């Protein structure tokens, strides 16, 4: 699986509602970094264990796998979680 690993530390400033019928897929997510710049991700698919962390104003460290057909959120550390959540094999 080819793709670019994109780590982002910051706060979720924009997130679409989950796609109807699939609470792990979002049309977009935008995270504002600590320096004020923002990183926008389109077509984000999160692991079920992580989807709940993609909420407005959720701060933390997010690692996206940026692929040609969209992004995958396989790991995140947030203030709510307090720990790193790791993906299942094959992601």
C-alpha atoms as a PDB file:
ATOM      1  CA  UNK A   1       0.000   0.000   0.000  1.00  0.00           C
ATOM      2  CA  UNK A   2       1.711   3.182  -1.181  1.00  0.00           C
ATOM      3  CA  UNK A   3       1.026   6.457   0.505  1.00  0.00           C
ATOM      4  CA  UNK A   4       2.537   9.416   2.290  1.00  0.00           C
ATOM      5  CA  UNK A   5       2.516   9.447   6.101  1.00  0.00           C
ATOM      6  CA  UNK A   6       1.358  12.867   7.316  1.00  0.00           C
ATOM      7  CA  UNK A   7       1.685  13.648  11.036  1.00  0.00           C
ATOM      8  CA  UNK A   8      -0.232  16.697  12.291  1.00  0.00           C
ATOM      9  CA  UNK A   9      -0.294  18.142  15.808  1.00  0.00           C
ATOM     10  CA  UNK A  10      -3.112  20.573  16.380  1.00  0.00           C
ATOM     11  CA  UNK A  11      -6.845  21.082  16.778  1.00  0.00           C
ATOM     12  CA  UNK A  12      -9.678  19.916  14.534  1.00  0.00           C
ATOM     13  CA  UNK A  13     -11.249  23.133  13.199  1.00  0.00           C
ATOM     14  CA  UNK A  14     -13.527  21.607  10.568  1.00  0.00           C
ATOM     15  CA  UNK A  15     -14.931  18.129  10.107  1.00  0.00           C
ATOM     16  CA  UNK A  16     -17.805  16.961   7.965  1.00  0.00           C
ATOM     17  CA  UNK A  17     -20.535  14.786   9.349  1.00  0.00           C
ATOM     18  CA  UNK A  18     -19.822  11.109   8.885  1.00  0.00           C
ATOM     19  CA  UNK A  19     -21.114   9.667   5.635  1.00  0.00           C
ATOM     20  CA  UNK A  20     -24.627   8.335   6.165  1.00  0.00           C
ATOM     21  CA  UNK A  21     -24.539   4.648   6.999  1.00  0.00           C
ATOM     22  CA  UNK A  22     -20.784   4.690   7.705  1.00  0.00           C
ATOM     23  CA  UNK A  23     -19.669   6.439  10.886  1.00  0.00           C
ATOM     24  CA  UNK A  24     -15.973   6.049  10.035  1.00  0.00           C
ATOM     25  CA  UNK A  25     -15.882   7.959   6.718  1.00  0.00           C
ATOM     26  CA  UNK A  26     -15.776  11.758   6.538  1.00  0.00           C
ATOM     27  CA  UNK A  27     -15.825  13.988   3.448  1.00  0.00           C
ATOM     28  CA  UNK A  28     -13.169  16.273   4.936  1.00  0.00           C
ATOM     29  CA  UNK A  29     -11.161  17.087   8.073  1.00  0.00           C
ATOM     30  CA  UNK A  30      -9.142  20.275   8.665  1.00  0.00           C
ATOM     31  CA  UNK A  31      -6.618  20.508  11.492  1.00  0.00           C
ATOM     32  CA  UNK A  32      -5.061  23.801  12.580  1.00  0.00           C
ATOM     33  CA  UNK A  33      -1.443  23.400  13.598  1.00  0.00           C
ATOM     34  CA  UNK A  34       0.104  25.151  16.594  1.00  0.00           C
ATOM     35  CA  UNK A  35       1.755  27.704  14.265  1.00  0.00           C
ATOM     36  CA  UNK A  36      -1.646  28.740  12.875  1.00  0.00           C
ATOM     37  CA  UNK A  37      -1.328  26.980   9.521  1.00  0.00           C
ATOM     38  CA  UNK A  38      -3.962  24.426   8.577  1.00  0.00           C
ATOM     39  CA  UNK A  39      -3.870  21.030   6.904  1.00  0.00           C
ATOM     40  CA  UNK A  40      -6.930  19.872   4.971  1.00  0.00           C
ATOM     41  CA  UNK A  41      -7.684  16.222   4.283  1.00  0.00           C
ATOM     42  CA  UNK A  42     -10.425  15.062   1.922  1.00  0.00           C
ATOM     43  CA  UNK A  43     -12.147  11.690   1.970  1.00  0.00           C
ATOM     44  CA  UNK A  44     -10.942  10.531   5.397  1.00  0.00           C
ATOM     45  CA  UNK A  45     -11.560   6.974   6.548  1.00  0.00           C
ATOM     46  CA  UNK A  46     -10.856   6.437  10.254  1.00  0.00           C
ATOM     47  CA  UNK A  47     -10.590   3.202  12.154  1.00  0.00           C
ATOM     48  CA  UNK A  48     -13.814   2.642  14.127  1.00  0.00           C
ATOM     49  CA  UNK A  49     -11.893   3.110  17.386  1.00  0.00           C
ATOM     50  CA  UNK A  50     -10.668   6.553  16.223  1.00  0.00           C
ATOM     51  CA  UNK A  51     -13.668   8.000  14.403  1.00  0.00           C
ATOM     52  CA  UNK A  52     -15.058   9.499  17.601  1.00  0.00           C
ATOM     53  CA  UNK A  53     -11.924  11.612  18.059  1.00  0.00           C
ATOM     54  CA  UNK A  54     -12.609  13.559  14.860  1.00  0.00           C
ATOM     55  CA  UNK A  55     -14.760  16.210  16.504  1.00  0.00           C
ATOM     56  CA  UNK A  56     -14.700  19.999  16.346  1.00  0.00           C
ATOM     57  CA  UNK A  57     -12.043  21.440  18.722  1.00  0.00           C
ATOM     58  CA  UNK A  58     -10.471  18.044  19.514  1.00  0.00           C
ATOM     59  CA  UNK A  59      -6.768  18.684  19.996  1.00  0.00           C
ATOM     60  CA  UNK A  60      -4.026  16.122  19.688  1.00  0.00           C
ATOM     61  CA  UNK A  61      -1.525  14.395  17.448  1.00  0.00           C
ATOM     62  CA  UNK A  62      -2.957  12.762  14.339  1.00  0.00           C
ATOM     63  CA  UNK A  63      -1.175  10.612  11.775  1.00  0.00           C
ATOM     64  CA  UNK A  64      -2.818  10.266   8.369  1.00  0.00           C
ATOM     65  CA  UNK A  65      -1.902   7.935   5.549  1.00  0.00           C
ATOM     66  CA  UNK A  66      -2.452  10.067   2.452  1.00  0.00           C
ATOM     67  CA  UNK A  67      -3.296   7.750  -0.459  1.00  0.00           C
ATOM     68  CA  UNK A  68      -4.401   8.529  -4.025  1.00  0.00           C
ATOM     69  CA  UNK A  69      -7.982   7.485  -3.219  1.00  0.00           C
ATOM     70  CA  UNK A  70      -8.233   9.385   0.090  1.00  0.00           C
ATOM     71  CA  UNK A  71      -6.768   9.476   3.581  1.00  0.00           C
ATOM     72  CA  UNK A  72      -6.751   6.925   6.375  1.00  0.00           C
ATOM     73  CA  UNK A  73      -6.515   7.888  10.051  1.00  0.00           C
ATOM     74  CA  UNK A  74      -4.746   4.841  11.488  1.00  0.00           C
ATOM     75  CA  UNK A  75      -3.435   6.434  14.713  1.00  0.00           C
ATOM     76  CA  UNK A  76      -4.080   9.405  16.992  1.00  0.00           C
ATOM     77  CA  UNK A  77      -3.243  10.780  20.399  1.00  0.00           C
ATOM     78  CA  UNK A  78      -5.749  13.197  21.870  1.00  0.00           C
ATOM     79  CA  UNK A  79      -6.273  14.869  25.198  1.00  0.00           C
ATOM     80  CA  UNK A  80      -9.421  12.769  25.617  1.00  0.00           C
ATOM     81  CA  UNK A  81      -7.698   9.490  24.878  1.00  0.00           C
ATOM     82  CA  UNK A  82      -4.548  10.202  26.802  1.00  0.00           C
ATOM     83  CA  UNK A  83      -2.697   7.516  24.878  1.00  0.00           C
ATOM     84  CA  UNK A  84      -1.753   6.432  21.386  1.00  0.00           C
ATOM     85  CA  UNK A  85      -4.251   4.213  19.636  1.00  0.00           C
ATOM     86  CA  UNK A  86      -2.670   1.877  17.126  1.00  0.00           C
ATOM     87  CA  UNK A  87      -4.191   0.321  14.008  1.00  0.00           C
ATOM     88  CA  UNK A  88      -5.058  -3.264  13.269  1.00  0.00           C
ATOM     89  CA  UNK A  89      -2.700  -5.146  10.955  1.00  0.00           C
ATOM     90  CA  UNK A  90      -3.264  -4.470   7.267  1.00  0.00           C
ATOM     91  CA  UNK A  91      -4.132  -0.791   7.508  1.00  0.00           C
END
